[in-house]
Amino acid sequence: MKLTRILLPILVVALSLYSIITMDYRFSSVGQLLLGIFFFITGYDDIKNKKTGWGGYFIGGGLLIILMSIFSF
């Protein structure tokens, strides 16, 4: 879980920077999907470890982003 919480944001930033620099937006849906997965994992970890009360919001936001990226394919 720790590795995915480090790798996913790096991939999202890399895809976003690539899209902005090259003006090629083919991979924006993939970046949104990875961002949704990252939000979902963050919410799951928060609920599992009982860190904060934001876990449900992260899971809900992550599912919303995942659904939006799936429909944009």
N, C-alpha and C. Protein backbone atom coordinates (compact mmCIF):
# COMPACT_ATOMS: atom_id res chain seq x y z
N MET A 1 0.81 -1.19 0.00
CA MET A 1 0.00 0.00 0.00
C MET A 1 0.86 1.26 0.00
N LYS A 2 1.97 1.23 0.72
CA LYS A 2 2.82 2.41 0.78
C LYS A 2 3.39 2.72 -0.60
N LEU A 3 3.76 1.68 -1.32
CA LEU A 3 4.35 1.89 -2.64
C LEU A 3 3.34 2.49 -3.60
N THR A 4 2.09 2.04 -3.55
CA THR A 4 1.08 2.59 -4.44
C THR A 4 0.73 4.02 -4.08
N ARG A 5 0.80 4.37 -2.79
CA ARG A 5 0.53 5.74 -2.38
C ARG A 5 1.64 6.69 -2.79
N ILE A 6 2.80 6.15 -3.15
CA ILE A 6 3.91 6.97 -3.64
C ILE A 6 3.92 6.99 -5.16
N LEU A 7 3.69 5.83 -5.78
CA LEU A 7 3.80 5.71 -7.24
C LEU A 7 2.65 6.38 -7.99
N LEU A 8 1.42 6.22 -7.50
CA LEU A 8 0.27 6.75 -8.24
C LEU A 8 0.32 8.27 -8.40
N PRO A 9 0.61 9.05 -7.36
CA PRO A 9 0.69 10.51 -7.59
C PRO A 9 1.82 10.90 -8.54
N ILE A 10 2.93 10.16 -8.50
CA ILE A 10 4.02 10.46 -9.42
C ILE A 10 3.58 10.21 -10.87
N LEU A 11 2.87 9.11 -11.09
CA LEU A 11 2.36 8.81 -12.44
C LEU A 11 1.34 9.86 -12.89
N VAL A 12 0.47 10.28 -11.99
CA VAL A 12 -0.54 11.28 -12.34
C VAL A 12 0.12 12.60 -12.71
N VAL A 13 1.10 13.02 -11.93
CA VAL A 13 1.80 14.28 -12.23
C VAL A 13 2.57 14.15 -13.55
N ALA A 14 3.22 13.02 -13.77
CA ALA A 14 3.97 12.83 -15.01
C ALA A 14 3.05 12.86 -16.23
N LEU A 15 1.91 12.19 -16.16
CA LEU A 15 0.97 12.21 -17.28
C LEU A 15 0.40 13.60 -17.50
N SER A 16 0.12 14.31 -16.43
CA SER A 16 -0.42 15.65 -16.56
C SER A 16 0.60 16.61 -17.16
N LEU A 17 1.84 16.52 -16.70
CA LEU A 17 2.88 17.37 -17.27
C LEU A 17 3.12 17.06 -18.74
N TYR A 18 3.10 15.79 -19.09
CA TYR A 18 3.25 15.40 -20.49
C TYR A 18 2.14 16.01 -21.33
N SER A 19 0.91 15.95 -20.82
CA SER A 19 -0.23 16.49 -21.57
C SER A 19 -0.13 18.00 -21.72
N ILE A 20 0.31 18.68 -20.68
CA ILE A 20 0.40 20.13 -20.74
C ILE A 20 1.53 20.58 -21.66
N ILE A 21 2.67 19.93 -21.57
CA ILE A 21 3.83 20.35 -22.36
C ILE A 21 3.63 20.06 -23.84
N THR A 22 3.11 18.88 -24.18
CA THR A 22 2.99 18.50 -25.58
C THR A 22 1.64 18.84 -26.20
N MET A 23 0.69 19.31 -25.39
CA MET A 23 -0.67 19.60 -25.85
C MET A 23 -1.33 18.36 -26.47
N ASP A 24 -0.95 17.21 -25.99
CA ASP A 24 -1.49 15.93 -26.44
C ASP A 24 -2.29 15.34 -25.28
N TYR A 25 -3.60 15.34 -25.40
CA TYR A 25 -4.46 14.97 -24.28
C TYR A 25 -5.01 13.56 -24.39
N ARG A 26 -4.30 12.68 -25.06
CA ARG A 26 -4.76 11.30 -25.19
C ARG A 26 -4.75 10.56 -23.86
N PHE A 27 -3.84 10.91 -22.98
CA PHE A 27 -3.67 10.17 -21.74
C PHE A 27 -4.34 10.83 -20.54
N SER A 28 -5.18 11.83 -20.77
CA SER A 28 -5.81 12.51 -19.64
C SER A 28 -6.82 11.59 -18.93
N SER A 29 -7.49 10.73 -19.66
CA SER A 29 -8.43 9.80 -19.03
C SER A 29 -7.70 8.79 -18.15
N VAL A 30 -6.53 8.38 -18.59
CA VAL A 30 -5.74 7.44 -17.79
C VAL A 30 -5.26 8.14 -16.52
N GLY A 31 -4.85 9.40 -16.63
CA GLY A 31 -4.44 10.15 -15.46
C GLY A 31 -5.58 10.34 -14.47
N GLN A 32 -6.78 10.59 -14.98
CA GLN A 32 -7.94 10.72 -14.10
C GLN A 32 -8.26 9.39 -13.42
N LEU A 33 -8.15 8.30 -14.15
CA LEU A 33 -8.39 6.99 -13.57
C LEU A 33 -7.39 6.69 -12.44
N LEU A 34 -6.13 6.99 -12.68
CA LEU A 34 -5.11 6.77 -11.64
C LEU A 34 -5.35 7.67 -10.44
N LEU A 35 -5.80 8.90 -10.67
CA LEU A 35 -6.11 9.80 -9.57
C LEU A 35 -7.27 9.27 -8.75
N GLY A 36 -8.30 8.74 -9.40
CA GLY A 36 -9.42 8.15 -8.69
C GLY A 36 -9.01 6.95 -7.87
N ILE A 37 -8.15 6.11 -8.43
CA ILE A 37 -7.66 4.95 -7.69
C ILE A 37 -6.84 5.40 -6.49
N PHE A 38 -6.04 6.44 -6.66
CA PHE A 38 -5.26 6.97 -5.54
C PHE A 38 -6.17 7.50 -4.43
N PHE A 39 -7.21 8.24 -4.79
CA PHE A 39 -8.15 8.75 -3.79
C PHE A 39 -8.83 7.59 -3.06
N PHE A 40 -9.24 6.56 -3.80
CA PHE A 40 -9.90 5.41 -3.20
C PHE A 40 -8.98 4.70 -2.21
N ILE A 41 -7.72 4.49 -2.60
CA ILE A 41 -6.76 3.82 -1.71
C ILE A 41 -6.49 4.67 -0.48
N THR A 42 -6.39 5.99 -0.66
CA THR A 42 -6.17 6.87 0.48
C THR A 42 -7.34 6.81 1.46
N GLY A 43 -8.55 6.82 0.94
CA GLY A 43 -9.73 6.71 1.80
C GLY A 43 -9.81 5.38 2.51
N TYR A 44 -9.47 4.32 1.81
CA TYR A 44 -9.47 2.99 2.43
C TYR A 44 -8.45 2.92 3.56
N ASP A 45 -7.26 3.45 3.34
CA ASP A 45 -6.24 3.44 4.40
C ASP A 45 -6.68 4.28 5.59
N ASP A 46 -7.31 5.42 5.34
CA ASP A 46 -7.78 6.27 6.44
C ASP A 46 -8.83 5.56 7.28
N ILE A 47 -9.75 4.87 6.62
CA ILE A 47 -10.79 4.15 7.36
C ILE A 47 -10.20 2.96 8.09
N LYS A 48 -9.28 2.24 7.44
CA LYS A 48 -8.68 1.06 8.05
C LYS A 48 -7.86 1.43 9.28
N ASN A 49 -7.10 2.50 9.19
CA ASN A 49 -6.24 2.91 10.31
C ASN A 49 -6.92 3.88 11.26
N LYS A 50 -8.15 4.29 10.92
CA LYS A 50 -8.93 5.23 11.75
C LYS A 50 -8.13 6.50 12.03
N LYS A 51 -7.47 7.02 10.98
CA LYS A 51 -6.68 8.23 11.12
C LYS A 51 -7.55 9.46 11.26
N THR A 52 -8.35 9.72 10.23
CA THR A 52 -9.19 10.91 10.22
C THR A 52 -10.59 10.51 9.81
N GLY A 53 -11.50 11.45 9.83
CA GLY A 53 -12.86 11.19 9.40
C GLY A 53 -13.08 11.45 7.92
N TRP A 54 -12.00 11.66 7.18
CA TRP A 54 -12.10 12.00 5.76
C TRP A 54 -12.10 10.78 4.85
N GLY A 55 -11.99 9.60 5.37
CA GLY A 55 -11.89 8.39 4.55
C GLY A 55 -13.09 8.18 3.66
N GLY A 56 -14.29 8.41 4.19
CA GLY A 56 -15.50 8.25 3.38
C GLY A 56 -15.57 9.23 2.24
N TYR A 57 -15.11 10.46 2.49
CA TYR A 57 -15.10 11.47 1.43
C TYR A 57 -14.10 11.11 0.34
N PHE A 58 -12.95 10.59 0.75
CA PHE A 58 -11.96 10.17 -0.24
C PHE A 58 -12.48 9.01 -1.08
N ILE A 59 -13.14 8.05 -0.46
CA ILE A 59 -13.69 6.91 -1.20
C ILE A 59 -14.77 7.38 -2.16
N GLY A 60 -15.67 8.24 -1.68
CA GLY A 60 -16.73 8.76 -2.55
C GLY A 60 -16.17 9.56 -3.72
N GLY A 61 -15.21 10.42 -3.43
CA GLY A 61 -14.58 11.20 -4.51
C GLY A 61 -13.82 10.32 -5.48
N GLY A 62 -13.14 9.31 -4.94
CA GLY A 62 -12.41 8.39 -5.81
C GLY A 62 -13.33 7.61 -6.73
N LEU A 63 -14.45 7.13 -6.20
CA LEU A 63 -15.41 6.41 -7.04
C LEU A 63 -16.01 7.33 -8.10
N LEU A 64 -16.28 8.57 -7.74
CA LEU A 64 -16.82 9.53 -8.71
C LEU A 64 -15.81 9.80 -9.82
N ILE A 65 -14.57 9.99 -9.47
CA ILE A 65 -13.53 10.23 -10.49
C ILE A 65 -13.35 9.00 -11.37
N ILE A 66 -13.37 7.81 -10.77
CA ILE A 66 -13.23 6.58 -11.56
C ILE A 66 -14.38 6.44 -12.55
N LEU A 67 -15.59 6.68 -12.10
CA LEU A 67 -16.75 6.59 -13.00
C LEU A 67 -16.66 7.61 -14.12
N MET A 68 -16.27 8.82 -13.80
CA MET A 68 -16.16 9.85 -14.82
C MET A 68 -15.07 9.51 -15.85
N SER A 69 -13.97 8.94 -15.40
CA SER A 69 -12.91 8.60 -16.35
C SER A 69 -13.31 7.40 -17.20
N ILE A 70 -14.09 6.47 -16.64
CA ILE A 70 -14.55 5.34 -17.44
C ILE A 70 -15.51 5.80 -18.54
N PHE A 71 -16.41 6.72 -18.20
CA PHE A 71 -17.36 7.21 -19.19
C PHE A 71 -16.71 8.12 -20.23
N SER A 72 -15.55 8.66 -19.95
CA SER A 72 -14.90 9.54 -20.92
C SER A 72 -14.05 8.77 -21.92
N PHE A 73 -13.85 7.45 -21.70
CA PHE A 73 -13.09 6.66 -22.67
C PHE A 73 -13.86 6.58 -23.92
